Amino acid sequence: MSDELAVTILGSGTSTGVPVIGCDCPVCSSALPQNQRTRCSALLSWQGRQILIDTATDLRQQALREKLTRVDAVLYTHTHADHLHGIDDLRTFNPRDGGSIPIYGSAATLEAIGRNFHYIFSDGPDPGYRPRLEPREISGAFELFGLPVEPIPLLHGSSETLGFRVGGFAYLTDVSAIPAASELRLQGLQLLVLDGLRFSPHNTHFNVAQAVAVAKRLGVPRTILTHLSHEIDHQRHGAELPAGVEFAYDGQRLKLALR
């Protein structure tokens, strides 16, 4: 089996997606494929296993585009709608043996999922066609199909989210500040996917300048900015980024050796 981790950017957009409904700005009107952004999520592929990071609102569209036919587990960063509300589309990936897909999140995240999507976890006599999911609380680093996963606590305005580190790779979306203890866990990265919402300031997300500063401080050789708004034109603004930093786009494929 390969020791290579493959990462697919399923969605690189912010909560509205791009184009934004009703907007005729240059980015929303652009024909450039990299400016067409579904809601933010990613896929980790490892030794035949497929692990989602979040079930974005556009999961169905993303899965069709990438010809995704199985999901072995889901890692949840938090429960905002754009990162969670594709959860019902997991029913298409129900294991044929009758088993469940494990979903991982903080205690607060799993509680909110269970409350807001109670029909999925109901023990009623008529389950219908719904996802079969097994909640698993994240309380520290763990192993998933032989893959070492380290949760990274982050701040998203006044709320908390989780990023994830796997070897030399880290995925940090919906973040406005990285606590000092978490930053220590991010040393020695080779590849970083990081929230970089827009150029203007935002109270719950890094803007581009802040994200670039984080990448520089961590000394990451390659940083991909995601969760992008329609302020960002992939081609025009991408040419202005410093070396080692680039904008994500839907369908982007990244690879990293883990050993």
Protein backbone atom coordinates (compact mmCIF):
# COMPACT_ATOMS: atom_id res chain seq x y z
CA MET A 1 0.00 0.00 0.00
CA SER A 2 1.14 3.55 -0.73
CA ASP A 3 2.21 5.79 2.15
CA GLU A 4 1.04 8.82 0.19
CA LEU A 5 -1.80 10.98 1.45
CA ALA A 6 -3.95 12.47 -1.31
CA VAL A 7 -5.99 15.58 -0.52
CA THR A 8 -8.78 16.83 -2.76
CA ILE A 9 -10.25 20.29 -2.24
CA LEU A 10 -13.92 19.42 -2.70
CA GLY A 11 -15.05 22.98 -2.07
CA SER A 12 -13.02 26.19 -1.73
CA GLY A 13 -15.80 28.72 -1.20
CA THR A 14 -17.28 30.62 1.68
CA SER A 15 -20.79 30.07 3.06
CA THR A 16 -22.56 31.74 0.13
CA GLY A 17 -20.62 29.86 -2.51
CA VAL A 18 -19.29 31.70 -5.56
CA PRO A 19 -20.99 33.00 -7.68
CA VAL A 20 -23.11 34.62 -4.99
CA ILE A 21 -26.83 34.58 -5.76
CA GLY A 22 -27.86 37.86 -7.39
CA CYS A 23 -24.33 39.25 -7.67
CA ASP A 24 -22.86 40.46 -10.95
CA CYS A 25 -19.41 41.46 -9.70
CA PRO A 26 -16.42 40.53 -11.93
CA VAL A 27 -15.66 37.36 -9.94
CA CYS A 28 -19.27 36.16 -9.82
CA SER A 29 -19.56 36.86 -13.55
CA SER A 30 -16.25 35.18 -14.36
CA ALA A 31 -16.08 32.15 -16.65
CA LEU A 32 -12.83 31.04 -15.00
CA PRO A 33 -13.44 27.57 -13.47
CA GLN A 34 -11.27 28.43 -10.44
CA ASN A 35 -13.72 31.22 -9.58
CA GLN A 36 -16.62 28.74 -9.33
CA ARG A 37 -16.56 27.75 -5.67
CA THR A 38 -18.77 25.32 -3.80
CA ARG A 39 -18.91 25.33 -0.01
CA CYS A 40 -15.70 24.51 1.87
CA SER A 41 -14.72 20.86 2.42
CA ALA A 42 -11.97 18.36 1.62
CA LEU A 43 -11.36 14.67 1.03
CA LEU A 44 -8.44 12.65 2.38
CA SER A 45 -7.59 9.50 0.44
CA TRP A 46 -5.34 6.99 2.18
CA GLN A 47 -4.67 3.36 1.31
CA GLY A 48 -8.06 2.91 -0.33
CA ARG A 49 -9.95 4.78 2.39
CA GLN A 50 -11.92 7.98 1.76
CA ILE A 51 -12.27 10.42 4.65
CA LEU A 52 -14.35 13.58 4.39
CA ILE A 53 -13.55 16.75 6.27
CA ASP A 54 -17.05 18.18 6.76
CA THR A 55 -20.22 17.47 4.81
CA ALA A 56 -20.63 20.75 2.97
CA THR A 57 -23.96 22.00 1.72
CA ASP A 58 -22.83 21.08 -1.81
CA LEU A 59 -21.67 17.53 -0.98
CA ARG A 60 -23.86 15.91 -3.64
CA GLN A 61 -22.48 18.18 -6.36
CA GLN A 62 -18.91 17.64 -5.15
CA ALA A 63 -19.28 13.86 -4.98
CA LEU A 64 -20.67 13.70 -8.51
CA ARG A 65 -17.88 15.89 -9.84
CA GLU A 66 -15.17 13.78 -8.20
CA LYS A 67 -16.93 10.46 -8.92
CA LEU A 68 -16.86 9.66 -5.20
CA THR A 69 -18.42 6.26 -4.55
CA ARG A 70 -17.58 5.60 -0.90
CA VAL A 71 -17.08 7.45 2.36
CA ASP A 72 -15.36 5.61 5.20
CA ALA A 73 -15.44 8.35 7.85
CA VAL A 74 -16.13 12.05 8.38
CA LEU A 75 -14.13 14.55 10.42
CA TYR A 76 -16.17 17.57 11.48
CA THR A 77 -14.58 20.95 12.12
CA HIS A 78 -17.78 22.52 13.50
CA THR A 79 -21.51 22.72 12.86
CA HIS A 80 -22.09 25.86 10.83
CA ALA A 81 -24.54 25.10 8.03
CA ASP A 82 -22.08 25.36 5.15
CA HIS A 83 -19.88 22.67 6.75
CA LEU A 84 -22.63 20.35 7.96
CA HIS A 85 -25.86 20.51 6.00
CA GLY A 86 -24.84 18.04 3.32
CA ILE A 87 -25.02 15.33 5.99
CA ASP A 88 -28.16 13.72 4.56
CA ASP A 89 -26.27 12.91 1.35
CA LEU A 90 -24.18 10.46 3.38
CA ARG A 91 -27.11 8.05 3.06
CA THR A 92 -25.94 7.32 -0.50
CA PHE A 93 -22.70 6.02 1.01
CA ASN A 94 -24.30 3.75 3.63
CA PRO A 95 -22.13 0.61 3.86
CA ARG A 96 -23.68 -2.29 1.98
CA ASP A 97 -23.00 -4.63 4.90
CA GLY A 98 -25.43 -2.68 7.07
CA GLY A 99 -22.69 -0.99 9.08
CA SER A 100 -22.36 2.68 9.94
CA ILE A 101 -20.07 5.50 8.86
CA PRO A 102 -18.12 6.85 11.85
CA ILE A 103 -18.35 10.63 12.27
CA TYR A 104 -15.81 12.40 14.47
CA GLY A 105 -16.20 15.72 16.25
CA SER A 106 -15.94 17.50 19.56
CA ALA A 107 -18.54 16.75 22.22
CA ALA A 108 -20.32 20.03 21.39
CA THR A 109 -20.28 19.27 17.67
CA LEU A 110 -21.74 15.79 18.08
CA GLU A 111 -24.40 17.06 20.47
CA ALA A 112 -25.47 19.71 17.96
CA ILE A 113 -25.54 17.21 15.09
CA GLY A 114 -27.68 14.83 17.14
CA ARG A 115 -30.06 17.63 18.09
CA ASN A 116 -30.40 19.27 14.68
CA PHE A 117 -30.55 16.01 12.70
CA HIS A 118 -32.34 13.90 15.29
CA TYR A 119 -34.14 11.84 12.62
CA ILE A 120 -30.79 10.29 11.64
CA PHE A 121 -30.20 8.92 15.12
CA SER A 122 -33.80 8.10 16.05
CA ASP A 123 -34.58 4.57 17.23
CA GLY A 124 -38.12 4.75 15.87
CA PRO A 125 -39.69 1.76 14.11
CA ASP A 126 -39.55 3.35 10.63
CA PRO A 127 -35.96 4.49 9.99
CA GLY A 128 -36.58 5.17 6.30
CA TYR A 129 -33.76 5.95 3.94
CA ARG A 130 -31.35 7.93 6.08
CA PRO A 131 -27.62 7.94 6.81
CA ARG A 132 -26.33 5.27 9.18
CA LEU A 133 -23.81 7.15 11.30
CA GLU A 134 -21.81 6.34 14.42
CA PRO A 135 -20.79 9.43 16.45
CA ARG A 136 -17.29 9.25 17.94
CA GLU A 137 -16.13 12.02 20.24
CA ILE A 138 -12.69 13.50 19.69
CA SER A 139 -10.85 13.94 22.97
CA GLY A 140 -7.28 13.94 21.68
CA ALA A 141 -5.08 12.48 18.96
CA PHE A 142 -6.34 9.21 17.48
CA GLU A 143 -5.72 6.76 14.67
CA LEU A 144 -8.13 6.36 11.77
CA PHE A 145 -7.51 3.38 9.47
CA GLY A 146 -3.85 3.55 10.45
CA LEU A 147 -3.71 7.29 9.78
CA PRO A 148 -2.57 9.45 12.74
CA VAL A 149 -5.04 12.31 13.23
CA GLU A 150 -4.34 15.19 15.60
CA PRO A 151 -7.15 17.64 16.36
CA ILE A 152 -6.07 21.30 16.47
CA PRO A 153 -8.30 23.59 18.58
CA LEU A 154 -8.95 26.93 16.85
CA LEU A 155 -10.91 30.11 17.48
CA HIS A 156 -13.62 31.18 15.03
CA GLY A 157 -14.57 34.54 16.46
CA SER A 158 -15.99 33.73 19.91
CA SER A 159 -16.66 30.08 19.06
CA GLU A 160 -14.33 27.10 18.78
CA THR A 161 -13.59 24.91 15.77
CA LEU A 162 -11.23 22.01 15.14
CA GLY A 163 -8.51 21.81 12.55
CA PHE A 164 -6.81 18.52 11.76
CA ARG A 165 -3.16 17.57 11.35
CA VAL A 166 -2.11 14.36 9.59
CA GLY A 167 1.66 13.99 9.43
CA GLY A 168 3.08 16.99 7.60
CA PHE A 169 -0.36 18.15 6.45
CA ALA A 170 -2.87 20.36 8.28
CA TYR A 171 -6.34 21.60 7.39
CA LEU A 172 -7.47 24.73 9.25
CA THR A 173 -10.69 26.34 8.09
CA ASP A 174 -13.02 28.83 9.79
CA VAL A 175 -10.34 30.31 12.02
CA SER A 176 -9.66 33.85 13.20
CA ALA A 177 -6.97 33.01 15.77
CA ILE A 178 -4.73 30.05 16.57
CA PRO A 179 -4.10 29.56 20.31
CA ALA A 180 -0.44 29.35 21.31
CA ALA A 181 -0.77 25.70 22.37
CA SER A 182 -2.25 24.83 18.98
CA GLU A 183 0.45 26.70 17.11
CA LEU A 184 3.03 24.52 18.83
CA ARG A 185 1.29 21.48 17.30
CA LEU A 186 1.69 22.96 13.84
CA GLN A 187 5.47 23.05 13.68
CA GLY A 188 7.22 21.21 10.85
CA LEU A 189 4.33 21.20 8.39
CA GLN A 190 4.97 20.61 4.70
CA LEU A 191 1.50 21.45 3.42
CA LEU A 192 -1.15 23.69 4.98
CA VAL A 193 -4.72 24.39 3.84
CA LEU A 194 -5.76 27.55 5.66
CA ASP A 195 -8.74 29.88 5.92
CA GLY A 196 -8.15 33.08 3.92
CA LEU A 197 -11.63 34.46 3.38
CA ARG A 198 -11.01 37.81 1.68
CA PHE A 199 -8.75 40.88 1.64
CA SER A 200 -10.84 43.05 3.94
CA PRO A 201 -10.96 42.26 7.68
CA HIS A 202 -13.49 39.84 9.12
CA ASN A 203 -14.28 39.11 12.76
CA THR A 204 -14.44 35.31 12.47
CA HIS A 205 -12.03 34.45 9.64
CA PHE A 206 -8.44 35.19 8.71
CA ASN A 207 -8.20 37.58 5.82
CA VAL A 208 -5.53 36.99 3.18
CA ALA A 209 -2.85 39.12 4.89
CA GLN A 210 -3.41 37.37 8.24
CA ALA A 211 -3.29 33.92 6.63
CA VAL A 212 -0.07 34.76 4.78
CA ALA A 213 1.44 35.95 8.06
CA VAL A 214 0.50 32.65 9.75
CA ALA A 215 2.07 30.64 6.93
CA LYS A 216 5.24 32.70 7.18
CA ARG A 217 5.39 32.38 10.96
CA LEU A 218 4.98 28.59 10.76
CA GLY A 219 7.52 28.34 7.96
CA VAL A 220 5.28 26.13 5.80
CA PRO A 221 6.74 25.50 2.30
CA ARG A 222 3.32 25.36 0.63
CA THR A 223 0.10 26.97 1.87
CA ILE A 224 -3.27 26.80 0.11
CA LEU A 225 -5.84 29.45 1.07
CA THR A 226 -9.44 28.24 1.14
CA HIS A 227 -12.96 29.35 2.22
CA LEU A 228 -12.67 32.10 -0.39
CA SER A 229 -15.23 34.84 -0.99
CA HIS A 230 -16.06 36.66 -4.20
CA GLU A 231 -13.55 39.38 -3.29
CA ILE A 232 -10.88 37.04 -4.63
CA ASP A 233 -10.17 36.55 -8.32
CA HIS A 234 -8.13 33.36 -8.57
CA GLN A 235 -6.00 34.40 -11.53
CA ARG A 236 -5.51 38.12 -10.93
CA HIS A 237 -5.02 38.03 -7.18
CA GLY A 238 -3.21 34.70 -7.20
CA ALA A 239 -0.37 36.31 -9.15
CA GLU A 240 0.10 38.76 -6.27
CA LEU A 241 0.58 36.17 -3.52
CA PRO A 242 4.05 35.56 -2.09
CA ALA A 243 6.02 32.47 -3.08
CA GLY A 244 4.72 29.34 -1.39
CA VAL A 245 1.16 30.64 -1.00
CA GLU A 246 -1.70 30.04 -3.46
CA PHE A 247 -5.47 30.10 -3.64
CA ALA A 248 -7.41 26.84 -3.53
CA TYR A 249 -9.88 25.84 -6.21
CA ASP A 250 -12.58 23.19 -6.41
CA GLY A 251 -11.19 19.84 -7.53
CA GLN A 252 -7.59 20.73 -6.67
CA ARG A 253 -5.51 17.65 -5.88
CA LEU A 254 -2.58 17.65 -3.48
CA LYS A 255 -0.25 14.84 -2.44
CA LEU A 256 2.08 14.35 0.48
CA ALA A 257 4.32 11.47 1.57
CA LEU A 258 3.64 10.62 5.21
CA ARG A 259 6.77 8.59 5.90
